[in-house]
PDB file of all heavy atoms in Angstrom:
ATOM      1  N   VAL A   1       9.076  17.622 -27.556  1.00  0.00           N
ATOM      2  CA  VAL A   1       7.888  17.926 -26.870  1.00  0.00           C
ATOM      3  C   VAL A   1       7.729  19.535 -27.011  1.00  0.00           C
ATOM      4  O   VAL A   1       8.491  20.253 -26.770  1.00  0.00           O
ATOM      5  CB  VAL A   1       8.119  17.707 -25.400  1.00  0.00           C
ATOM      6  CG1 VAL A   1       6.935  18.015 -24.489  1.00  0.00           C
ATOM      7  CG2 VAL A   1       8.353  16.257 -25.075  1.00  0.00           C
ATOM      8  N   LYS A   2       6.549  19.840 -27.589  1.00  0.00           N
ATOM      9  CA  LYS A   2       6.200  21.218 -27.678  1.00  0.00           C
ATOM     10  C   LYS A   2       5.588  21.710 -26.495  1.00  0.00           C
ATOM     11  O   LYS A   2       4.825  21.021 -25.733  1.00  0.00           O
ATOM     12  CB  LYS A   2       5.206  21.487 -28.867  1.00  0.00           C
ATOM     13  CG  LYS A   2       5.897  20.870 -30.222  1.00  0.00           C
ATOM     14  CD  LYS A   2       4.899  21.102 -31.294  1.00  0.00           C
ATOM     15  CE  LYS A   2       5.446  20.747 -32.708  1.00  0.00           C
ATOM     16  NZ  LYS A   2       4.573  20.886 -33.795  1.00  0.00           N
ATOM     17  N   THR A   3       5.741  22.987 -26.234  1.00  0.00           N
ATOM     18  CA  THR A   3       5.306  23.657 -25.124  1.00  0.00           C
ATOM     19  C   THR A   3       3.712  23.849 -25.360  1.00  0.00           C
ATOM     20  O   THR A   3       3.271  24.393 -26.391  1.00  0.00           O
ATOM     21  CB  THR A   3       5.778  25.140 -24.818  1.00  0.00           C
ATOM     22  OG1 THR A   3       7.236  24.981 -24.685  1.00  0.00           O
ATOM     23  CG2 THR A   3       5.187  25.704 -23.613  1.00  0.00           C
ATOM     24  N   ALA A   4       2.902  23.387 -24.375  1.00  0.00           N
ATOM     25  CA  ALA A   4       1.513  23.231 -24.585  1.00  0.00           C
ATOM     26  C   ALA A   4       0.917  24.673 -24.230  1.00  0.00           C
ATOM     27  O   ALA A   4       1.460  25.299 -23.337  1.00  0.00           O
ATOM     28  CB  ALA A   4       0.873  22.302 -23.719  1.00  0.00           C
ATOM     29  N   VAL A   5      -0.094  25.052 -24.967  1.00  0.00           N
ATOM     30  CA  VAL A   5      -0.666  26.390 -24.766  1.00  0.00           C
ATOM     31  C   VAL A   5      -1.765  26.037 -23.560  1.00  0.00           C
ATOM     32  O   VAL A   5      -2.519  25.115 -23.612  1.00  0.00           O
ATOM     33  CB  VAL A   5      -1.540  26.923 -25.889  1.00  0.00           C
ATOM     34  CG1 VAL A   5      -2.261  28.187 -25.521  1.00  0.00           C
ATOM     35  CG2 VAL A   5      -0.476  27.199 -27.042  1.00  0.00           C
ATOM     36  N   ALA A   6      -1.825  26.917 -22.679  1.00  0.00           N
ATOM     37  CA  ALA A   6      -2.660  26.634 -21.383  1.00  0.00           C
ATOM     38  C   ALA A   6      -4.110  26.716 -21.923  1.00  0.00           C
ATOM     39  O   ALA A   6      -4.619  27.643 -22.535  1.00  0.00           O
ATOM     40  CB  ALA A   6      -2.464  27.766 -20.402  1.00  0.00           C
ATOM     41  N   ALA A   7      -4.826  25.619 -21.446  1.00  0.00           N
ATOM     42  CA  ALA A   7      -6.237  25.473 -21.812  1.00  0.00           C
ATOM     43  C   ALA A   7      -7.096  26.424 -20.898  1.00  0.00           C
ATOM     44  O   ALA A   7      -6.842  26.448 -19.698  1.00  0.00           O
ATOM     45  CB  ALA A   7      -6.782  24.076 -21.885  1.00  0.00           C
ATOM     46  N   PRO A   8      -8.189  26.956 -21.263  1.00  0.00           N
ATOM     47  CA  PRO A   8      -9.040  27.658 -20.267  1.00  0.00           C
ATOM     48  C   PRO A   8      -9.586  26.964 -19.248  1.00  0.00           C
ATOM     49  O   PRO A   8      -9.754  27.405 -18.175  1.00  0.00           O
ATOM     50  CB  PRO A   8     -10.131  28.263 -21.258  1.00  0.00           C
ATOM     51  CG  PRO A   8     -10.146  27.429 -22.434  1.00  0.00           C
ATOM     52  CD  PRO A   8      -8.733  26.982 -22.682  1.00  0.00           C
ATOM     53  N   LYS A   9      -9.863  25.640 -19.597  1.00  0.00           N
ATOM     54  CA  LYS A   9     -10.406  24.816 -18.490  1.00  0.00           C
ATOM     55  C   LYS A   9      -9.880  23.404 -18.688  1.00  0.00           C
ATOM     56  O   LYS A   9      -9.748  22.833 -19.794  1.00  0.00           O
ATOM     57  CB  LYS A   9     -11.971  24.805 -18.534  1.00  0.00           C
ATOM     58  CG  LYS A   9     -12.594  24.065 -17.375  1.00  0.00           C
ATOM     59  CD  LYS A   9     -14.194  24.089 -17.499  1.00  0.00           C
ATOM     60  CE  LYS A   9     -14.817  23.488 -16.355  1.00  0.00           C
ATOM     61  NZ  LYS A   9     -16.295  23.583 -16.527  1.00  0.00           N
ATOM     62  N   ALA A  10      -9.515  22.702 -17.597  1.00  0.00           N
ATOM     63  CA  ALA A  10      -9.002  21.340 -17.735  1.00  0.00           C
ATOM     64  C   ALA A  10      -9.980  20.377 -18.058  1.00  0.00           C
ATOM     65  O   ALA A  10     -11.215  20.385 -17.663  1.00  0.00           O
ATOM     66  CB  ALA A  10      -8.373  21.018 -16.366  1.00  0.00           C
ATOM     67  N   ALA A  11      -9.664  19.448 -19.093  1.00  0.00           N
ATOM     68  CA  ALA A  11     -10.553  18.557 -19.523  1.00  0.00           C
ATOM     69  C   ALA A  11     -10.706  17.381 -18.410  1.00  0.00           C
ATOM     70  O   ALA A  11      -9.695  17.248 -17.672  1.00  0.00           O
ATOM     71  CB  ALA A  11     -10.158  17.922 -20.710  1.00  0.00           C
ATOM     72  N   PRO A  12     -11.850  16.633 -18.409  1.00  0.00           N
ATOM     73  CA  PRO A  12     -11.943  15.590 -17.440  1.00  0.00           C
ATOM     74  C   PRO A  12     -10.801  14.595 -17.594  1.00  0.00           C
ATOM     75  O   PRO A  12     -10.507  14.319 -18.759  1.00  0.00           O
ATOM     76  CB  PRO A  12     -13.380  15.022 -17.730  1.00  0.00           C
ATOM     77  CG  PRO A  12     -14.094  16.103 -18.294  1.00  0.00           C
ATOM     78  CD  PRO A  12     -12.995  16.888 -19.158  1.00  0.00           C
ATOM     79  N   LEU A  13     -10.269  14.014 -16.528  1.00  0.00           N
ATOM     80  CA  LEU A  13      -9.245  13.015 -16.743  1.00  0.00           C
ATOM     81  C   LEU A  13      -9.818  11.720 -17.152  1.00  0.00           C
ATOM     82  O   LEU A  13     -10.634  11.092 -16.756  1.00  0.00           O
ATOM     83  CB  LEU A  13      -8.751  12.710 -15.348  1.00  0.00           C
ATOM     84  CG  LEU A  13      -7.506  11.780 -15.282  1.00  0.00           C
ATOM     85  CD1 LEU A  13      -6.305  12.371 -16.070  1.00  0.00           C
ATOM     86  CD2 LEU A  13      -7.132  11.496 -13.713  1.00  0.00           C
ATOM     87  N   LYS A  14      -9.241  11.398 -18.407  1.00  0.00           N
ATOM     88  CA  LYS A  14      -9.708  10.082 -18.954  1.00  0.00           C
ATOM     89  C   LYS A  14      -9.049   8.904 -18.451  1.00  0.00           C
ATOM     90  O   LYS A  14      -7.853   8.922 -18.087  1.00  0.00           O
ATOM     91  CB  LYS A  14      -9.165  10.224 -20.465  1.00  0.00           C
ATOM     92  CG  LYS A  14      -9.623   8.994 -21.431  1.00  0.00           C
ATOM     93  CD  LYS A  14      -9.065   9.039 -22.729  1.00  0.00           C
ATOM     94  CE  LYS A  14      -9.490   7.843 -23.534  1.00  0.00           C
ATOM     95  NZ  LYS A  14      -9.122   7.853 -24.934  1.00  0.00           N
ATOM     96  N   ALA A  15      -9.770   7.849 -18.126  1.00  0.00           N
ATOM     97  CA  ALA A  15      -9.260   6.739 -17.489  1.00  0.00           C
ATOM     98  C   ALA A  15      -8.200   5.985 -18.404  1.00  0.00           C
ATOM     99  O   ALA A  15      -8.456   5.588 -19.614  1.00  0.00           O
ATOM    100  CB  ALA A  15     -10.363   5.860 -17.163  1.00  0.00           C
ATOM    101  N   PRO A  16      -7.077   5.639 -17.912  1.00  0.00           N
ATOM    102  CA  PRO A  16      -5.985   5.096 -18.711  1.00  0.00           C
ATOM    103  C   PRO A  16      -6.377   3.566 -18.799  1.00  0.00           C
ATOM    104  O   PRO A  16      -7.107   3.017 -18.027  1.00  0.00           O
ATOM    105  CB  PRO A  16      -4.749   5.273 -17.791  1.00  0.00           C
ATOM    106  CG  PRO A  16      -5.115   5.510 -16.409  1.00  0.00           C
ATOM    107  CD  PRO A  16      -6.536   6.165 -16.563  1.00  0.00           C
ATOM    108  N   THR A  17      -5.737   2.914 -19.703  1.00  0.00           N
ATOM    109  CA  THR A  17      -5.821   1.540 -19.844  1.00  0.00           C
ATOM    110  C   THR A  17      -4.913   0.751 -18.898  1.00  0.00           C
ATOM    111  O   THR A  17      -4.080   1.431 -18.278  1.00  0.00           O
ATOM    112  CB  THR A  17      -5.499   1.047 -21.326  1.00  0.00           C
ATOM    113  OG1 THR A  17      -4.072   1.240 -21.524  1.00  0.00           O
ATOM    114  CG2 THR A  17      -6.280   1.790 -22.416  1.00  0.00           C
ATOM    115  N   TYR A  18      -5.088  -0.467 -18.790  1.00  0.00           N
ATOM    116  CA  TYR A  18      -4.179  -1.207 -17.866  1.00  0.00           C
ATOM    117  C   TYR A  18      -2.700  -1.081 -18.263  1.00  0.00           C
ATOM    118  O   TYR A  18      -1.815  -1.011 -17.476  1.00  0.00           O
ATOM    119  CB  TYR A  18      -4.553  -2.700 -17.709  1.00  0.00           C
ATOM    120  CG  TYR A  18      -3.799  -3.382 -16.684  1.00  0.00           C
ATOM    121  CD1 TYR A  18      -3.829  -3.254 -15.347  1.00  0.00           C
ATOM    122  CD2 TYR A  18      -2.604  -4.287 -17.159  1.00  0.00           C
ATOM    123  CE1 TYR A  18      -2.995  -3.877 -14.396  1.00  0.00           C
ATOM    124  CE2 TYR A  18      -1.912  -4.902 -16.143  1.00  0.00           C
ATOM    125  CZ  TYR A  18      -2.035  -4.640 -14.879  1.00  0.00           C
ATOM    126  OH  TYR A  18      -1.209  -5.292 -13.964  1.00  0.00           O
ATOM    127  N   ALA A  19      -2.447  -1.264 -19.613  1.00  0.00           N
ATOM    128  CA  ALA A  19      -1.146  -1.230 -20.105  1.00  0.00           C
ATOM    129  C   ALA A  19      -0.500   0.199 -19.731  1.00  0.00           C
ATOM    130  O   ALA A  19       0.710   0.242 -19.542  1.00  0.00           O
ATOM    131  CB  ALA A  19      -1.145  -1.364 -21.633  1.00  0.00           C
ATOM    132  N   GLU A  20      -1.338   1.185 -19.834  1.00  0.00           N
ATOM    133  CA  GLU A  20      -0.754   2.581 -19.586  1.00  0.00           C
ATOM    134  C   GLU A  20      -0.585   2.754 -18.035  1.00  0.00           C
ATOM    135  O   GLU A  20       0.377   3.397 -17.565  1.00  0.00           O
ATOM    136  CB  GLU A  20      -1.794   3.670 -19.950  1.00  0.00           C
ATOM    137  CG  GLU A  20      -1.913   3.665 -21.466  1.00  0.00           C
ATOM    138  CD  GLU A  20      -3.051   4.587 -21.933  1.00  0.00           C
ATOM    139  OE1 GLU A  20      -4.102   4.715 -21.181  1.00  0.00           O
ATOM    140  OE2 GLU A  20      -2.965   5.169 -23.079  1.00  0.00           O
ATOM    141  N   ILE A  21      -1.396   2.075 -17.182  1.00  0.00           N
ATOM    142  CA  ILE A  21      -1.294   2.352 -15.677  1.00  0.00           C
ATOM    143  C   ILE A  21      -0.346   1.315 -14.995  1.00  0.00           C
ATOM    144  O   ILE A  21       0.081   1.602 -13.925  1.00  0.00           O
ATOM    145  CB  ILE A  21      -2.704   2.278 -14.986  1.00  0.00           C
ATOM    146  CG1 ILE A  21      -2.741   3.172 -13.783  1.00  0.00           C
ATOM    147  CG2 ILE A  21      -3.146   0.850 -14.801  1.00  0.00           C
ATOM    148  CD1 ILE A  21      -2.589   4.548 -13.906  1.00  0.00           C
ATOM    149  N   GLU A  22      -0.168   0.172 -15.587  1.00  0.00           N
ATOM    150  CA  GLU A  22       0.705  -0.862 -14.897  1.00  0.00           C
ATOM    151  C   GLU A  22       2.024  -0.327 -14.536  1.00  0.00           C
ATOM    152  O   GLU A  22       2.477  -0.535 -13.352  1.00  0.00           O
ATOM    153  CB  GLU A  22       0.882  -2.012 -15.879  1.00  0.00           C
ATOM    154  CG  GLU A  22       1.664  -3.147 -15.208  1.00  0.00           C
ATOM    155  CD  GLU A  22       1.946  -4.287 -16.061  1.00  0.00           C
ATOM    156  OE1 GLU A  22       1.877  -4.142 -17.302  1.00  0.00           O
ATOM    157  OE2 GLU A  22       2.149  -5.493 -15.584  1.00  0.00           O
ATOM    158  N   PRO A  23       2.789   0.449 -15.294  1.00  0.00           N
ATOM    159  CA  PRO A  23       4.028   0.942 -14.892  1.00  0.00           C
ATOM    160  C   PRO A  23       3.985   1.860 -13.571  1.00  0.00           C
ATOM    161  O   PRO A  23       4.840   1.735 -12.679  1.00  0.00           O
ATOM    162  CB  PRO A  23       4.641   1.803 -16.009  1.00  0.00           C
ATOM    163  CG  PRO A  23       4.030   1.278 -17.217  1.00  0.00           C
ATOM    164  CD  PRO A  23       2.538   0.824 -16.676  1.00  0.00           C
ATOM    165  N   LEU A  24       2.928   2.533 -13.489  1.00  0.00           N
ATOM    166  CA  LEU A  24       2.707   3.399 -12.227  1.00  0.00           C
ATOM    167  C   LEU A  24       2.304   2.522 -11.066  1.00  0.00           C
ATOM    168  O   LEU A  24       2.739   2.798  -9.969  1.00  0.00           O
ATOM    169  CB  LEU A  24       1.603   4.467 -12.492  1.00  0.00           C
ATOM    170  CG  LEU A  24       1.852   5.504 -13.463  1.00  0.00           C
ATOM    171  CD1 LEU A  24       0.655   6.502 -13.472  1.00  0.00           C
ATOM    172  CD2 LEU A  24       3.197   6.212 -13.104  1.00  0.00           C
ATOM    173  N   LEU A  25       1.542   1.488 -11.248  1.00  0.00           N
ATOM    174  CA  LEU A  25       1.194   0.587 -10.156  1.00  0.00           C
ATOM    175  C   LEU A  25       2.405  -0.182  -9.692  1.00  0.00           C
ATOM    176  O   LEU A  25       2.623  -0.254  -8.364  1.00  0.00           O
ATOM    177  CB  LEU A  25       0.147  -0.435 -10.644  1.00  0.00           C
ATOM    178  CG  LEU A  25      -1.238   0.063 -11.016  1.00  0.00           C
ATOM    179  CD1 LEU A  25      -2.054  -1.053 -11.534  1.00  0.00           C
ATOM    180  CD2 LEU A  25      -1.867   0.872  -9.895  1.00  0.00           C
ATOM    181  N   VAL A  26       3.393  -0.446 -10.612  1.00  0.00           N
ATOM    182  CA  VAL A  26       4.470  -1.211 -10.228  1.00  0.00           C
ATOM    183  C   VAL A  26       5.491  -0.299  -9.483  1.00  0.00           C
ATOM    184  O   VAL A  26       5.956  -0.590  -8.492  1.00  0.00           O
ATOM    185  CB  VAL A  26       5.127  -1.914 -11.398  1.00  0.00           C
ATOM    186  CG1 VAL A  26       6.568  -2.469 -11.050  1.00  0.00           C
ATOM    187  CG2 VAL A  26       4.337  -3.005 -12.001  1.00  0.00           C
ATOM    188  N   LYS A  27       5.740   0.867 -10.035  1.00  0.00           N
ATOM    189  CA  LYS A  27       6.662   1.909  -9.582  1.00  0.00           C
ATOM    190  C   LYS A  27       6.316   2.292  -8.087  1.00  0.00           C
ATOM    191  O   LYS A  27       7.180   2.449  -7.217  1.00  0.00           O
ATOM    192  CB  LYS A  27       6.648   3.193 -10.494  1.00  0.00           C
ATOM    193  CG  LYS A  27       7.278   4.338  -9.859  1.00  0.00           C
ATOM    194  CD  LYS A  27       7.158   5.653 -10.618  1.00  0.00           C
ATOM    195  CE  LYS A  27       7.689   6.891 -10.027  1.00  0.00           C
ATOM    196  NZ  LYS A  27       7.462   8.107 -10.686  1.00  0.00           N
ATOM    197  N   ASN A  28       4.940   2.407  -7.846  1.00  0.00           N
ATOM    198  CA  ASN A  28       4.579   2.932  -6.493  1.00  0.00           C
ATOM    199  C   ASN A  28       4.060   1.696  -5.558  1.00  0.00           C
ATOM    200  O   ASN A  28       3.510   1.955  -4.607  1.00  0.00           O
ATOM    201  CB  ASN A  28       3.317   3.895  -6.801  1.00  0.00           C
ATOM    202  CG  ASN A  28       3.813   5.233  -7.305  1.00  0.00           C
ATOM    203  OD1 ASN A  28       4.604   5.930  -6.734  1.00  0.00           O
ATOM    204  ND2 ASN A  28       3.200   5.428  -8.533  1.00  0.00           N
ATOM    205  N   THR A  29       4.538   0.472  -6.055  1.00  0.00           N
ATOM    206  CA  THR A  29       4.333  -0.656  -5.179  1.00  0.00           C
ATOM    207  C   THR A  29       2.814  -1.061  -4.950  1.00  0.00           C
ATOM    208  O   THR A  29       2.692  -1.798  -4.057  1.00  0.00           O
ATOM    209  CB  THR A  29       5.220  -0.674  -3.987  1.00  0.00           C
ATOM    210  OG1 THR A  29       4.597   0.233  -3.035  1.00  0.00           O
ATOM    211  CG2 THR A  29       6.663  -0.324  -4.160  1.00  0.00           C
ATOM    212  N   CYS A  30       2.035  -0.626  -5.602  1.00  0.00           N
ATOM    213  CA  CYS A  30       0.603  -0.946  -5.523  1.00  0.00           C
ATOM    214  C   CYS A  30       0.412  -2.426  -5.687  1.00  0.00           C
ATOM    215  O   CYS A  30      -0.641  -3.089  -4.951  1.00  0.00           O
ATOM    216  CB  CYS A  30      -0.337  -0.037  -6.443  1.00  0.00           C
ATOM    217  SG  CYS A  30      -0.015   1.634  -6.332  1.00  0.00           S
ATOM    218  N   THR A  31       0.986  -3.099  -6.749  1.00  0.00           N
ATOM    219  CA  THR A  31       0.803  -4.445  -7.006  1.00  0.00           C
ATOM    220  C   THR A  31       1.295  -5.325  -6.000  1.00  0.00           C
ATOM    221  O   THR A  31       1.083  -6.625  -6.016  1.00  0.00           O
ATOM    222  CB  THR A  31       1.468  -4.739  -8.421  1.00  0.00           C
ATOM    223  OG1 THR A  31       2.740  -4.363  -8.412  1.00  0.00           O
ATOM    224  CG2 THR A  31       0.622  -4.044  -9.468  1.00  0.00           C
ATOM    225  N   ALA A  32       2.099  -4.872  -5.041  1.00  0.00           N
ATOM    226  CA  ALA A  32       2.555  -5.733  -3.943  1.00  0.00           C
ATOM    227  C   ALA A  32       1.416  -6.200  -3.066  1.00  0.00           C
ATOM    228  O   ALA A  32       1.509  -7.404  -2.660  1.00  0.00           O
ATOM    229  CB  ALA A  32       3.521  -4.935  -3.019  1.00  0.00           C
ATOM    230  N   CYS A  33       0.294  -5.484  -3.029  1.00  0.00           N
ATOM    231  CA  CYS A  33      -0.700  -5.795  -2.028  1.00  0.00           C
ATOM    232  C   CYS A  33      -2.061  -6.017  -2.740  1.00  0.00           C
ATOM    233  O   CYS A  33      -3.054  -6.333  -2.165  1.00  0.00           O
ATOM    234  CB  CYS A  33      -0.884  -4.826  -0.972  1.00  0.00           C
ATOM    235  SG  CYS A  33       0.672  -4.779   0.229  1.00  0.00           S
ATOM    236  N   HIS A  34      -2.119  -5.467  -3.945  1.00  0.00           N
ATOM    237  CA  HIS A  34      -3.469  -5.430  -4.686  1.00  0.00           C
ATOM    238  C   HIS A  34      -3.315  -6.002  -6.071  1.00  0.00           C
ATOM    239  O   HIS A  34      -2.398  -5.759  -6.706  1.00  0.00           O
ATOM    240  CB  HIS A  34      -4.014  -4.060  -4.688  1.00  0.00           C
ATOM    241  CG  HIS A  34      -4.090  -3.303  -3.545  1.00  0.00           C
ATOM    242  ND1 HIS A  34      -5.216  -3.301  -2.532  1.00  0.00           N
ATOM    243  CD2 HIS A  34      -3.266  -2.430  -2.737  1.00  0.00           C
ATOM    244  CE1 HIS A  34      -5.035  -2.631  -1.608  1.00  0.00           C
ATOM    245  NE2 HIS A  34      -3.705  -2.046  -1.652  1.00  0.00           N
ATOM    246  N   GLN A  35      -4.349  -6.674  -6.463  1.00  0.00           N
ATOM    247  CA  GLN A  35      -4.428  -7.139  -7.907  1.00  0.00           C
ATOM    248  C   GLN A  35      -5.805  -6.536  -8.498  1.00  0.00           C
ATOM    249  O   GLN A  35      -6.630  -6.070  -7.766  1.00  0.00           O
ATOM    250  CB  GLN A  35      -4.598  -8.655  -7.972  1.00  0.00           C
ATOM    251  CG  GLN A  35      -3.202  -9.238  -7.586  1.00  0.00           C
ATOM    252  CD  GLN A  35      -3.270 -10.755  -7.783  1.00  0.00           C
ATOM    253  OE1 GLN A  35      -3.977 -11.286  -8.689  1.00  0.00           O
ATOM    254  NE2 GLN A  35      -2.532 -11.469  -6.975  1.00  0.00           N
ATOM    255  N   ALA A  36      -5.980  -6.665  -9.774  1.00  0.00           N
ATOM    256  CA  ALA A  36      -7.093  -5.964 -10.454  1.00  0.00           C
ATOM    257  C   ALA A  36      -8.374  -6.611  -9.986  1.00  0.00           C
ATOM    258  O   ALA A  36      -9.262  -5.989  -9.555  1.00  0.00           O
ATOM    259  CB  ALA A  36      -6.971  -6.125 -11.889  1.00  0.00           C
ATOM    260  N   SER A  37      -8.463  -7.889  -9.986  1.00  0.00           N
ATOM    261  CA  SER A  37      -9.809  -8.541  -9.656  1.00  0.00           C
ATOM    262  C   SER A  37      -9.748  -9.553  -8.607  1.00  0.00           C
ATOM    263  O   SER A  37     -10.733 -10.248  -8.161  1.00  0.00           O
ATOM    264  CB  SER A  37     -10.431  -9.215 -10.934  1.00  0.00           C
ATOM    265  OG  SER A  37      -9.481 -10.190 -11.374  1.00  0.00           O
ATOM    266  N   LYS A  38      -8.575  -9.828  -7.934  1.00  0.00           N
ATOM    267  CA  LYS A  38      -8.390 -10.820  -7.029  1.00  0.00           C
ATOM    268  C   LYS A  38      -7.922 -10.264  -5.657  1.00  0.00           C
ATOM    269  O   LYS A  38      -6.998  -9.494  -5.554  1.00  0.00           O
ATOM    270  CB  LYS A  38      -7.419 -11.987  -7.492  1.00  0.00           C
ATOM    271  CG  LYS A  38      -7.087 -12.986  -6.470  1.00  0.00           C
ATOM    272  CD  LYS A  38      -6.086 -14.043  -7.083  1.00  0.00           C
ATOM    273  CE  LYS A  38      -5.590 -14.990  -5.994  1.00  0.00           C
ATOM    274  NZ  LYS A  38      -4.501 -15.864  -6.510  1.00  0.00           N
ATOM    275  N   ARG A  39      -8.537 -10.673  -4.592  1.00  0.00           N
ATOM    276  CA  ARG A  39      -8.049 -10.195  -3.274  1.00  0.00           C
ATOM    277  C   ARG A  39      -6.673 -10.806  -2.986  1.00  0.00           C
ATOM    278  O   ARG A  39      -6.348 -11.964  -3.233  1.00  0.00           O
ATOM    279  CB  ARG A  39      -9.016 -10.672  -2.222  1.00  0.00           C
ATOM    280  CG  ARG A  39      -8.607 -10.506  -0.760  1.00  0.00           C
ATOM    281  CD  ARG A  39      -9.597 -10.912   0.235  1.00  0.00           C
ATOM    282  NE  ARG A  39      -9.020 -10.945   1.583  1.00  0.00           N
ATOM    283  CZ  ARG A  39      -9.558 -11.120   2.698  1.00  0.00           C
ATOM    284  NH1 ARG A  39     -11.050 -11.222   2.723  1.00  0.00           N
ATOM    285  NH2 ARG A  39      -9.119 -11.177   3.880  1.00  0.00           N
ATOM    286  N   GLN A  40      -5.772  -9.863  -2.453  1.00  0.00           N
ATOM    287  CA  GLN A  40      -4.427 -10.434  -2.069  1.00  0.00           C
ATOM    288  C   GLN A  40      -4.174  -9.920  -0.624  1.00  0.00           C
ATOM    289  O   GLN A  40      -5.047 -10.349   0.278  1.00  0.00           O
ATOM    290  CB  GLN A  40      -3.287  -9.877  -2.967  1.00  0.00           C
ATOM    291  CG  GLN A  40      -2.047 -10.601  -2.874  1.00  0.00           C
ATOM    292  CD  GLN A  40      -1.061 -10.146  -3.930  1.00  0.00           C
ATOM    293  OE1 GLN A  40      -1.171 -10.762  -5.040  1.00  0.00           O
ATOM    294  NE2 GLN A  40      -0.025  -9.412  -3.641  1.00  0.00           N
ATOM    295  N   VAL A  41      -3.192  -9.168  -0.389  1.00  0.00           N
ATOM    296  CA  VAL A  41      -3.003  -8.688   1.000  1.00  0.00           C
ATOM    297  C   VAL A  41      -4.080  -7.697   1.338  1.00  0.00           C
ATOM    298  O   VAL A  41      -4.719  -7.690   2.427  1.00  0.00           O
ATOM    299  CB  VAL A  41      -1.623  -7.960   1.197  1.00  0.00           C
ATOM    300  CG1 VAL A  41      -1.478  -7.250   2.462  1.00  0.00           C
ATOM    301  CG2 VAL A  41      -0.542  -9.156   0.994  1.00  0.00           C
ATOM    302  N   GLY A  42      -4.364  -6.758   0.282  1.00  0.00           N
ATOM    303  CA  GLY A  42      -5.466  -5.854   0.271  1.00  0.00           C
ATOM    304  C   GLY A  42      -6.605  -6.177  -0.630  1.00  0.00           C
ATOM    305  O   GLY A  42      -6.562  -7.240  -1.418  1.00  0.00           O
ATOM    306  N   PRO A  43      -7.663  -5.373  -0.629  1.00  0.00           N
ATOM    307  CA  PRO A  43      -8.774  -5.791  -1.556  1.00  0.00           C
ATOM    308  C   PRO A  43      -8.423  -5.470  -3.021  1.00  0.00           C
ATOM    309  O   PRO A  43      -7.465  -4.836  -3.339  1.00  0.00           O
ATOM    310  CB  PRO A  43      -9.871  -4.680  -1.139  1.00  0.00           C
ATOM    311  CG  PRO A  43      -8.985  -3.473  -0.564  1.00  0.00           C
ATOM    312  CD  PRO A  43      -7.834  -4.183   0.079  1.00  0.00           C
TER     313      PRO A  43
END
């Protein structure tokens, strides 16, 4: 990992794919109550 040079302005956050976001959803227990397109405990 190379040390990144600070950019003058942060670029807009690009939306991750489901494959990229799934580990974060599982780690933070979001999938316990929510699914992508189906109502579960939460919307």
